Amino acid sequence: MKIHLVSKKEINASLSALNMSLMAESFGLGVLYSGFFSEVVKYSPKLRKL
C-alpha cells in the first residue's frame, strides 16, 4: 500500500503521517517515510503549481 500526503502546510501532512504511523504500528505493521516526492517538487515548476 502506498499513501501520498500533500498539503499546503507541511505540518498538516506531518501530523497525518504521524497518526497513520501510530495506527499502522498498533496493527503490527511497519512504516517507511520517504521524502523523495518533496525533493522532486522543489525542481518541478508544474508540481509546485498543484
C-alpha atoms as a PDB file:
ATOM      1  CA  MET A   1       0.000   0.000   0.000  1.00  0.00           C
ATOM      2  CA  LYS A   2       1.250   3.480  -0.836  1.00  0.00           C
ATOM      3  CA  ILE A   3      -0.096   6.681   0.633  1.00  0.00           C
ATOM      4  CA  HIS A   4       0.974  10.110  -0.594  1.00  0.00           C
ATOM      5  CA  LEU A   5       0.356  13.092   1.645  1.00  0.00           C
ATOM      6  CA  VAL A   6       0.173  16.506   0.054  1.00  0.00           C
ATOM      7  CA  SER A   7      -0.665  19.638   1.972  1.00  0.00           C
ATOM      8  CA  LYS A   8      -0.100  23.341   1.535  1.00  0.00           C
ATOM      9  CA  LYS A   9       1.221  23.397   5.085  1.00  0.00           C
ATOM     10  CA  GLU A  10       3.939  20.890   5.877  1.00  0.00           C
ATOM     11  CA  ILE A  11       2.767  20.479   9.474  1.00  0.00           C
ATOM     12  CA  ASN A  12      -0.617  19.094   8.351  1.00  0.00           C
ATOM     13  CA  ALA A  13       0.991  16.353   6.272  1.00  0.00           C
ATOM     14  CA  SER A  14       3.438  15.615   9.093  1.00  0.00           C
ATOM     15  CA  LEU A  15       0.652  15.204  11.647  1.00  0.00           C
ATOM     16  CA  SER A  16      -1.302  12.958   9.277  1.00  0.00           C
ATOM     17  CA  ALA A  17       1.777  10.820   8.650  1.00  0.00           C
ATOM     18  CA  LEU A  18       2.392  10.501  12.380  1.00  0.00           C
ATOM     19  CA  ASN A  19      -1.187   9.394  13.036  1.00  0.00           C
ATOM     20  CA  MET A  20      -1.047   6.830  10.221  1.00  0.00           C
ATOM     21  CA  SER A  21       2.279   5.573  11.544  1.00  0.00           C
ATOM     22  CA  LEU A  22       0.864   5.078  15.030  1.00  0.00           C
ATOM     23  CA  MET A  23      -2.183   3.273  13.649  1.00  0.00           C
ATOM     24  CA  ALA A  24      -0.058   1.000  11.443  1.00  0.00           C
ATOM     25  CA  GLU A  25       2.238   0.116  14.334  1.00  0.00           C
ATOM     26  CA  SER A  26      -0.764  -0.682  16.530  1.00  0.00           C
ATOM     27  CA  PHE A  27      -1.694  -3.317  13.918  1.00  0.00           C
ATOM     28  CA  GLY A  28       1.854  -4.698  13.904  1.00  0.00           C
ATOM     29  CA  LEU A  29       2.743  -3.150  10.551  1.00  0.00           C
ATOM     30  CA  GLY A  30       5.889  -1.261   9.600  1.00  0.00           C
ATOM     31  CA  VAL A  31       6.159   2.207   8.117  1.00  0.00           C
ATOM     32  CA  LEU A  32       8.646   3.736   5.680  1.00  0.00           C
ATOM     33  CA  TYR A  33       8.926   7.501   5.298  1.00  0.00           C
ATOM     34  CA  SER A  34      10.394   8.792   2.051  1.00  0.00           C
ATOM     35  CA  GLY A  35      10.936  12.468   1.346  1.00  0.00           C
ATOM     36  CA  PHE A  36      11.613  11.816  -2.342  1.00  0.00           C
ATOM     37  CA  PHE A  37       8.408  13.489  -3.556  1.00  0.00           C
ATOM     38  CA  SER A  38       9.196  16.659  -1.603  1.00  0.00           C
ATOM     39  CA  GLU A  39      12.594  16.839  -3.278  1.00  0.00           C
ATOM     40  CA  VAL A  40      11.089  16.310  -6.746  1.00  0.00           C
ATOM     41  CA  VAL A  41       8.581  19.132  -6.201  1.00  0.00           C
ATOM     42  CA  LYS A  42      11.415  21.571  -5.463  1.00  0.00           C
ATOM     43  CA  TYR A  43      12.700  21.115  -9.028  1.00  0.00           C
ATOM     44  CA  SER A  44       9.402  20.834 -10.927  1.00  0.00           C
ATOM     45  CA  PRO A  45       7.501  24.051 -11.686  1.00  0.00           C
ATOM     46  CA  LYS A  46       4.435  22.022 -12.781  1.00  0.00           C
ATOM     47  CA  LEU A  47       4.241  20.150  -9.476  1.00  0.00           C
ATOM     48  CA  ARG A  48       4.780  23.317  -7.420  1.00  0.00           C
ATOM     49  CA  LYS A  49       1.640  24.806  -9.001  1.00  0.00           C
ATOM     50  CA  LEU A  50      -0.558  21.977  -7.672  1.00  0.00           C
END
